[in-house]
Amino acid sequence: MEKKKTELINSYKILSLLKKNTDYYFTITDITHFTGISRYRTEHILSEFETMALVSKRVEHFGASCRYYYKGTLSEE
């Protein structure tokens, strides 16, 4: 039960950060810095949000590596 509660709180933290700043793209490092959530959990939550179309993802390639940027979709409030 405690794990589900923590997961919901973490999801809300990430979603509120992205929804309040829809003009900006965030890296996973940015999100972990602002929310205090581990990188592993952040990646998991973002993949779920992407499936639900709550976030959009942009990929930039740097030679052999690439960096992912996440942005909250516009809320319908």
C-alpha atoms as a PDB file:
ATOM      1  CA  MET A   1       0.000   0.000   0.000  1.00  0.00           C
ATOM      2  CA  GLU A   2       2.814   2.404   0.898  1.00  0.00           C
ATOM      3  CA  LYS A   3       4.518   1.724  -2.449  1.00  0.00           C
ATOM      4  CA  LYS A   4       1.361   2.652  -4.392  1.00  0.00           C
ATOM      5  CA  LYS A   5       1.002   5.860  -2.404  1.00  0.00           C
ATOM      6  CA  THR A   6       4.623   6.818  -3.083  1.00  0.00           C
ATOM      7  CA  GLU A   7       4.192   6.022  -6.783  1.00  0.00           C
ATOM      8  CA  LEU A   8       1.128   8.273  -6.991  1.00  0.00           C
ATOM      9  CA  ILE A   9       2.946  11.112  -5.232  1.00  0.00           C
ATOM     10  CA  ASN A  10       5.935  10.760  -7.573  1.00  0.00           C
ATOM     11  CA  SER A  11       3.651  10.712 -10.615  1.00  0.00           C
ATOM     12  CA  TYR A  12       1.902  13.857  -9.409  1.00  0.00           C
ATOM     13  CA  LYS A  13       5.220  15.645  -8.811  1.00  0.00           C
ATOM     14  CA  ILE A  14       6.420  14.946 -12.345  1.00  0.00           C
ATOM     15  CA  LEU A  15       3.089  15.713 -13.976  1.00  0.00           C
ATOM     16  CA  SER A  16       2.657  18.986 -12.105  1.00  0.00           C
ATOM     17  CA  LEU A  17       6.196  20.086 -13.041  1.00  0.00           C
ATOM     18  CA  LEU A  18       5.571  19.378 -16.726  1.00  0.00           C
ATOM     19  CA  LYS A  19       2.029  20.797 -16.809  1.00  0.00           C
ATOM     20  CA  LYS A  20       3.045  24.059 -15.119  1.00  0.00           C
ATOM     21  CA  ASN A  21       5.871  24.577 -17.618  1.00  0.00           C
ATOM     22  CA  THR A  22       4.426  23.494 -20.965  1.00  0.00           C
ATOM     23  CA  ASP A  23       6.657  25.942 -22.848  1.00  0.00           C
ATOM     24  CA  TYR A  24       9.816  24.084 -21.812  1.00  0.00           C
ATOM     25  CA  TYR A  25      11.419  20.742 -22.552  1.00  0.00           C
ATOM     26  CA  PHE A  26      13.072  18.951 -19.626  1.00  0.00           C
ATOM     27  CA  THR A  27      15.760  16.278 -19.661  1.00  0.00           C
ATOM     28  CA  ILE A  28      15.444  13.349 -17.273  1.00  0.00           C
ATOM     29  CA  THR A  29      18.270  14.910 -15.252  1.00  0.00           C
ATOM     30  CA  ASP A  30      16.268  18.148 -14.932  1.00  0.00           C
ATOM     31  CA  ILE A  31      13.196  16.271 -13.751  1.00  0.00           C
ATOM     32  CA  THR A  32      15.126  14.243 -11.167  1.00  0.00           C
ATOM     33  CA  HIS A  33      16.748  17.454  -9.907  1.00  0.00           C
ATOM     34  CA  PHE A  34      13.467  19.340  -9.486  1.00  0.00           C
ATOM     35  CA  THR A  35      11.434  16.446  -8.054  1.00  0.00           C
ATOM     36  CA  GLY A  36      14.019  14.454  -6.087  1.00  0.00           C
ATOM     37  CA  ILE A  37      12.826  11.187  -7.652  1.00  0.00           C
ATOM     38  CA  SER A  38      15.355   8.565  -8.752  1.00  0.00           C
ATOM     39  CA  ARG A  39      16.268   8.360 -12.420  1.00  0.00           C
ATOM     40  CA  TYR A  40      14.915   4.803 -12.707  1.00  0.00           C
ATOM     41  CA  ARG A  41      11.503   5.768 -11.289  1.00  0.00           C
ATOM     42  CA  THR A  42      11.421   8.941 -13.393  1.00  0.00           C
ATOM     43  CA  GLU A  43      12.056   6.993 -16.608  1.00  0.00           C
ATOM     44  CA  HIS A  44       9.342   4.488 -15.686  1.00  0.00           C
ATOM     45  CA  ILE A  45       6.765   7.176 -14.907  1.00  0.00           C
ATOM     46  CA  LEU A  46       7.601   9.150 -18.064  1.00  0.00           C
ATOM     47  CA  SER A  47       7.151   6.068 -20.240  1.00  0.00           C
ATOM     48  CA  GLU A  48       3.688   5.559 -18.724  1.00  0.00           C
ATOM     49  CA  PHE A  49       2.830   9.233 -19.255  1.00  0.00           C
ATOM     50  CA  GLU A  50       4.005   9.026 -22.853  1.00  0.00           C
ATOM     51  CA  THR A  51       1.694   6.062 -23.435  1.00  0.00           C
ATOM     52  CA  MET A  52      -1.212   8.088 -22.015  1.00  0.00           C
ATOM     53  CA  ALA A  53      -0.224  11.122 -24.178  1.00  0.00           C
ATOM     54  CA  LEU A  54       0.367  13.279 -21.092  1.00  0.00           C
ATOM     55  CA  VAL A  55       3.895  14.108 -22.240  1.00  0.00           C
ATOM     56  CA  SER A  56       5.610  14.465 -25.580  1.00  0.00           C
ATOM     57  CA  LYS A  57       9.181  13.387 -26.223  1.00  0.00           C
ATOM     58  CA  ARG A  58      11.796  14.968 -28.464  1.00  0.00           C
ATOM     59  CA  VAL A  59      15.044  13.219 -29.352  1.00  0.00           C
ATOM     60  CA  GLU A  60      18.264  15.010 -30.271  1.00  0.00           C
ATOM     61  CA  HIS A  61      21.118  12.981 -31.709  1.00  0.00           C
ATOM     62  CA  PHE A  62      24.725  13.754 -30.826  1.00  0.00           C
ATOM     63  CA  GLY A  63      26.791  11.447 -32.985  1.00  0.00           C
ATOM     64  CA  ALA A  64      26.443   7.958 -31.529  1.00  0.00           C
ATOM     65  CA  SER A  65      24.453   9.127 -28.502  1.00  0.00           C
ATOM     66  CA  CYS A  66      21.126  10.853 -28.128  1.00  0.00           C
ATOM     67  CA  ARG A  67      19.322  12.871 -25.465  1.00  0.00           C
ATOM     68  CA  TYR A  68      15.613  12.771 -24.687  1.00  0.00           C
ATOM     69  CA  TYR A  69      13.585  15.851 -23.792  1.00  0.00           C
ATOM     70  CA  TYR A  70      10.127  15.731 -22.256  1.00  0.00           C
ATOM     71  CA  LYS A  71       7.381  18.318 -22.340  1.00  0.00           C
ATOM     72  CA  GLY A  72       3.922  18.315 -20.797  1.00  0.00           C
ATOM     73  CA  THR A  73       1.054  18.404 -23.247  1.00  0.00           C
ATOM     74  CA  LEU A  74      -1.385  21.273 -22.967  1.00  0.00           C
ATOM     75  CA  SER A  75      -3.920  20.720 -20.238  1.00  0.00           C
ATOM     76  CA  GLU A  76      -7.614  20.952 -21.009  1.00  0.00           C
ATOM     77  CA  GLU A  77      -8.586  23.081 -18.024  1.00  0.00           C
END
